[in-house]
Amino acid sequence: MDINLALLQLGLNASEYRLSQSPPPHTITEWRGPGTQPTDAELQAAYDAWVAIPENAASLEATP
């Protein structure tokens, strides 16, 4: 799961956060918000919803 894409789907992509590493798999190591940090289940559900959009899935397939 790409956390950046999940946060985009949740509308939280403007939040301040740090990831354990840039490419997935990664985890959120620091969250400064605004708002509360989404749970792993919320992130996974948002990522799954993002990937379910055909245009988004196609963009992932085009990435080397």
N, C-alpha and C. Protein backbone atom coordinates (compact mmCIF):
# COMPACT_ATOMS: atom_id res chain seq x y z
N MET A 1 0.85 -1.18 0.00
CA MET A 1 0.00 0.00 0.00
C MET A 1 0.89 1.24 0.00
N ASP A 2 0.51 2.21 -0.81
CA ASP A 2 1.22 3.48 -0.85
C ASP A 2 0.47 4.46 0.05
N ILE A 3 1.07 4.82 1.16
CA ILE A 3 0.42 5.69 2.14
C ILE A 3 0.14 7.07 1.54
N ASN A 4 1.03 7.57 0.70
CA ASN A 4 0.79 8.88 0.09
C ASN A 4 -0.51 8.88 -0.72
N LEU A 5 -0.75 7.82 -1.47
CA LEU A 5 -1.98 7.72 -2.25
C LEU A 5 -3.20 7.56 -1.34
N ALA A 6 -3.05 6.79 -0.26
CA ALA A 6 -4.15 6.62 0.69
C ALA A 6 -4.52 7.96 1.32
N LEU A 7 -3.52 8.74 1.70
CA LEU A 7 -3.79 10.05 2.30
C LEU A 7 -4.42 10.99 1.29
N LEU A 8 -4.01 10.89 0.05
CA LEU A 8 -4.64 11.68 -1.01
C LEU A 8 -6.13 11.33 -1.10
N GLN A 9 -6.44 10.06 -1.10
CA GLN A 9 -7.84 9.60 -1.17
C GLN A 9 -8.65 10.10 0.03
N LEU A 10 -8.01 10.16 1.19
CA LEU A 10 -8.68 10.61 2.41
C LEU A 10 -8.76 12.14 2.52
N GLY A 11 -8.09 12.83 1.60
CA GLY A 11 -8.06 14.29 1.67
C GLY A 11 -7.11 14.81 2.73
N LEU A 12 -6.17 13.97 3.14
CA LEU A 12 -5.22 14.34 4.19
C LEU A 12 -3.81 14.55 3.64
N ASN A 13 -3.68 14.67 2.34
CA ASN A 13 -2.35 14.77 1.73
C ASN A 13 -1.64 16.08 2.07
N ALA A 14 -2.35 17.08 2.61
CA ALA A 14 -1.70 18.32 3.02
C ALA A 14 -1.21 18.25 4.47
N SER A 15 -1.46 17.13 5.13
CA SER A 15 -1.00 16.95 6.50
C SER A 15 0.52 16.84 6.55
N GLU A 16 1.06 17.13 7.72
CA GLU A 16 2.50 16.97 7.92
C GLU A 16 2.75 15.60 8.53
N TYR A 17 3.58 14.81 7.86
CA TYR A 17 3.87 13.46 8.32
C TYR A 17 5.22 13.01 7.75
N ARG A 18 5.78 11.99 8.36
CA ARG A 18 7.01 11.36 7.86
C ARG A 18 6.75 9.88 7.70
N LEU A 19 7.38 9.33 6.66
CA LEU A 19 7.28 7.90 6.40
C LEU A 19 8.61 7.22 6.72
N SER A 20 8.55 5.93 6.98
CA SER A 20 9.75 5.18 7.30
C SER A 20 10.71 5.11 6.11
N GLN A 21 10.18 5.17 4.90
CA GLN A 21 10.98 5.22 3.68
C GLN A 21 10.08 5.72 2.57
N SER A 22 10.68 6.17 1.49
CA SER A 22 9.88 6.76 0.42
C SER A 22 9.05 5.73 -0.35
N PRO A 23 9.67 4.69 -0.91
CA PRO A 23 8.84 3.73 -1.66
C PRO A 23 8.12 2.77 -0.71
N PRO A 24 6.93 2.33 -1.10
CA PRO A 24 6.25 1.31 -0.29
C PRO A 24 7.01 0.00 -0.32
N PRO A 25 6.92 -0.84 0.66
CA PRO A 25 6.09 -0.68 1.85
C PRO A 25 6.72 0.30 2.84
N HIS A 26 5.89 1.10 3.46
CA HIS A 26 6.36 2.05 4.44
C HIS A 26 5.30 2.23 5.51
N THR A 27 5.68 2.93 6.57
CA THR A 27 4.77 3.22 7.67
C THR A 27 4.90 4.70 8.02
N ILE A 28 3.89 5.23 8.69
CA ILE A 28 3.96 6.59 9.19
C ILE A 28 4.77 6.55 10.48
N THR A 29 5.86 7.32 10.51
CA THR A 29 6.69 7.35 11.71
C THR A 29 6.44 8.59 12.55
N GLU A 30 5.86 9.62 11.92
CA GLU A 30 5.55 10.86 12.64
C GLU A 30 4.33 11.50 11.99
N TRP A 31 3.40 11.93 12.82
CA TRP A 31 2.18 12.58 12.32
C TRP A 31 2.00 13.89 13.08
N ARG A 32 1.91 14.99 12.35
CA ARG A 32 1.68 16.29 12.97
C ARG A 32 0.37 16.93 12.52
N GLY A 33 -0.39 16.20 11.73
CA GLY A 33 -1.72 16.63 11.35
C GLY A 33 -1.75 17.74 10.33
N PRO A 34 -2.82 18.44 10.23
CA PRO A 34 -3.90 18.55 11.21
C PRO A 34 -4.77 17.29 11.25
N GLY A 35 -5.54 17.20 12.31
CA GLY A 35 -6.39 16.04 12.49
C GLY A 35 -5.65 14.87 13.09
N THR A 36 -6.37 13.79 13.24
CA THR A 36 -5.77 12.60 13.83
C THR A 36 -5.22 11.69 12.74
N GLN A 37 -4.22 10.94 13.11
CA GLN A 37 -3.59 10.01 12.17
C GLN A 37 -4.56 8.88 11.84
N PRO A 38 -4.74 8.59 10.55
CA PRO A 38 -5.63 7.48 10.19
C PRO A 38 -5.04 6.14 10.64
N THR A 39 -5.92 5.21 10.94
CA THR A 39 -5.49 3.87 11.33
C THR A 39 -5.00 3.12 10.09
N ASP A 40 -4.32 2.02 10.33
CA ASP A 40 -3.88 1.18 9.21
C ASP A 40 -5.07 0.69 8.38
N ALA A 41 -6.16 0.36 9.06
CA ALA A 41 -7.36 -0.11 8.35
C ALA A 41 -7.94 1.01 7.49
N GLU A 42 -7.97 2.23 8.01
CA GLU A 42 -8.47 3.37 7.23
C GLU A 42 -7.58 3.64 6.02
N LEU A 43 -6.27 3.56 6.23
CA LEU A 43 -5.33 3.76 5.13
C LEU A 43 -5.51 2.70 4.06
N GLN A 44 -5.64 1.44 4.48
CA GLN A 44 -5.81 0.35 3.51
C GLN A 44 -7.11 0.51 2.73
N ALA A 45 -8.19 0.85 3.42
CA ALA A 45 -9.48 1.03 2.75
C ALA A 45 -9.41 2.19 1.75
N ALA A 46 -8.74 3.27 2.12
CA ALA A 46 -8.60 4.41 1.22
C ALA A 46 -7.75 4.05 0.01
N TYR A 47 -6.67 3.31 0.24
CA TYR A 47 -5.81 2.89 -0.88
C TYR A 47 -6.59 1.97 -1.81
N ASP A 48 -7.33 1.04 -1.25
CA ASP A 48 -8.13 0.12 -2.07
C ASP A 48 -9.16 0.89 -2.91
N ALA A 49 -9.77 1.92 -2.31
CA ALA A 49 -10.74 2.75 -3.04
C ALA A 49 -10.04 3.52 -4.16
N TRP A 50 -8.84 4.01 -3.90
CA TRP A 50 -8.09 4.76 -4.92
C TRP A 50 -7.74 3.84 -6.09
N VAL A 51 -7.27 2.64 -5.78
CA VAL A 51 -6.87 1.69 -6.83
C VAL A 51 -8.09 1.19 -7.61
N ALA A 52 -9.26 1.19 -7.01
CA ALA A 52 -10.47 0.71 -7.68
C ALA A 52 -10.90 1.63 -8.83
N ILE A 53 -10.37 2.83 -8.87
CA ILE A 53 -10.68 3.75 -9.97
C ILE A 53 -9.78 3.37 -11.14
N PRO A 54 -10.37 2.98 -12.27
CA PRO A 54 -9.57 2.45 -13.39
C PRO A 54 -8.40 3.34 -13.83
N GLU A 55 -8.61 4.65 -13.88
CA GLU A 55 -7.52 5.55 -14.29
C GLU A 55 -6.36 5.50 -13.32
N ASN A 56 -6.67 5.38 -12.04
CA ASN A 56 -5.60 5.30 -11.02
C ASN A 56 -4.85 3.99 -11.13
N ALA A 57 -5.58 2.90 -11.29
CA ALA A 57 -4.93 1.59 -11.42
C ALA A 57 -4.02 1.57 -12.65
N ALA A 58 -4.48 2.18 -13.73
CA ALA A 58 -3.68 2.22 -14.95
C ALA A 58 -2.39 3.02 -14.74
N SER A 59 -2.46 4.07 -13.93
CA SER A 59 -1.25 4.85 -13.69
C SER A 59 -0.23 4.07 -12.87
N LEU A 60 -0.69 3.18 -12.02
CA LEU A 60 0.23 2.34 -11.25
C LEU A 60 0.91 1.31 -12.16
N GLU A 61 0.16 0.77 -13.11
CA GLU A 61 0.72 -0.22 -14.03
C GLU A 61 1.76 0.40 -14.94
N ALA A 62 1.66 1.68 -15.23
CA ALA A 62 2.59 2.36 -16.12
C ALA A 62 3.89 2.73 -15.41
N THR A 63 3.92 2.65 -14.07
CA THR A 63 5.10 2.99 -13.30
C THR A 63 6.08 1.82 -13.32
N PRO A 64 7.33 2.07 -13.71
CA PRO A 64 8.30 0.95 -13.73
C PRO A 64 8.65 0.44 -12.37
